[in-house]
Amino acid sequence: MVTNDVISDHEVRIYRLFSSQPDFWFTNADIAGEAGVAARTARQYTRRWTDAKLLHEAQVFPGSRYRWMGSKAAAMSKS
């Protein structure tokens, strides 16, 4: 079994973006532009982190929005 024990520079940049604005809803395009990563990289991490319950996903038109699951607003939306 192959494991990925390395944290990429891209992952760190995306993490810093979310942690600097925990209550802001980001699109994948926002993430790509502000973190300086490719759009497919942003999609990869939002999918992975949403599946891991680290991000809250709002499925709205024209595309999903993401923010930290631990944000105050995300906690209120669960109740």
Protein backbone atom coordinates (compact mmCIF):
# COMPACT_ATOMS: atom_id res chain seq x y z
CA MET A 1 0.00 0.00 0.00
CA VAL A 2 1.32 3.41 -0.96
CA THR A 3 0.81 6.27 1.46
CA ASN A 4 1.22 9.97 0.91
CA ASP A 5 3.07 11.29 3.95
CA VAL A 6 4.19 14.47 2.23
CA ILE A 7 2.28 17.74 2.38
CA SER A 8 2.61 19.64 -0.87
CA ASP A 9 3.30 23.34 -1.22
CA HIS A 10 -0.07 23.67 -2.99
CA GLU A 11 -1.88 22.06 -0.07
CA VAL A 12 -0.20 24.48 2.35
CA ARG A 13 -1.16 27.50 0.22
CA ILE A 14 -4.80 26.38 0.06
CA TYR A 15 -4.84 25.68 3.80
CA ARG A 16 -3.46 29.14 4.54
CA LEU A 17 -6.10 30.72 2.33
CA PHE A 18 -8.96 28.98 4.14
CA SER A 19 -7.50 29.54 7.59
CA SER A 20 -6.95 33.26 6.93
CA GLN A 21 -10.65 33.73 6.05
CA PRO A 22 -12.57 30.91 7.79
CA ASP A 23 -16.04 32.41 7.27
CA PHE A 24 -15.61 33.30 3.59
CA TRP A 25 -17.15 31.12 0.87
CA PHE A 26 -14.61 30.35 -1.88
CA THR A 27 -15.22 28.98 -5.36
CA ASN A 28 -12.61 26.72 -6.92
CA ALA A 29 -11.69 29.65 -9.19
CA ASP A 30 -11.18 31.88 -6.12
CA ILE A 31 -8.97 29.25 -4.53
CA ALA A 32 -6.92 28.77 -7.69
CA GLY A 33 -6.40 32.50 -8.17
CA GLU A 34 -5.69 33.47 -4.59
CA ALA A 35 -3.57 30.44 -3.67
CA GLY A 36 -1.69 30.45 -6.96
CA VAL A 37 -2.56 26.88 -7.91
CA ALA A 38 -4.13 25.34 -11.00
CA ALA A 39 -7.92 25.02 -11.11
CA ARG A 40 -7.68 21.22 -11.17
CA THR A 41 -5.50 21.34 -8.03
CA ALA A 42 -8.10 23.48 -6.26
CA ARG A 43 -10.84 21.02 -7.28
CA GLN A 44 -8.73 18.08 -6.08
CA TYR A 45 -8.29 19.51 -2.61
CA THR A 46 -11.84 20.81 -2.18
CA ARG A 47 -13.16 17.36 -3.12
CA ARG A 48 -10.69 15.60 -0.81
CA TRP A 49 -11.28 17.97 2.12
CA THR A 50 -15.07 17.95 1.66
CA ASP A 51 -15.04 14.14 1.77
CA ALA A 52 -12.89 14.31 4.93
CA LYS A 53 -15.44 16.74 6.50
CA LEU A 54 -12.90 19.55 6.72
CA LEU A 55 -14.83 21.84 4.38
CA HIS A 56 -18.48 22.78 4.23
CA GLU A 57 -19.82 22.73 0.66
CA ALA A 58 -22.73 24.87 -0.52
CA GLN A 59 -24.02 23.59 -3.86
CA VAL A 60 -25.28 26.77 -5.51
CA PHE A 61 -25.54 28.00 -9.09
CA PRO A 62 -23.24 28.41 -11.00
CA GLY A 63 -20.81 26.38 -8.85
CA SER A 64 -20.14 25.09 -5.38
CA ARG A 65 -18.69 27.28 -2.64
CA TYR A 66 -16.44 26.05 0.17
CA ARG A 67 -15.36 27.19 3.63
CA TRP A 68 -13.90 25.64 6.76
CA MET A 69 -16.26 23.30 8.55
CA GLY A 70 -15.13 24.81 11.86
CA SER A 71 -16.28 28.32 11.00
CA LYS A 72 -18.95 29.95 13.16
CA ALA A 73 -21.40 30.24 10.30
CA ALA A 74 -20.93 26.60 9.26
CA ALA A 75 -21.56 25.52 12.85
CA MET A 76 -24.79 27.56 12.93
CA SER A 77 -25.99 26.07 9.63
CA LYS A 78 -25.84 22.57 11.14
CA SER A 79 -28.41 23.41 13.83
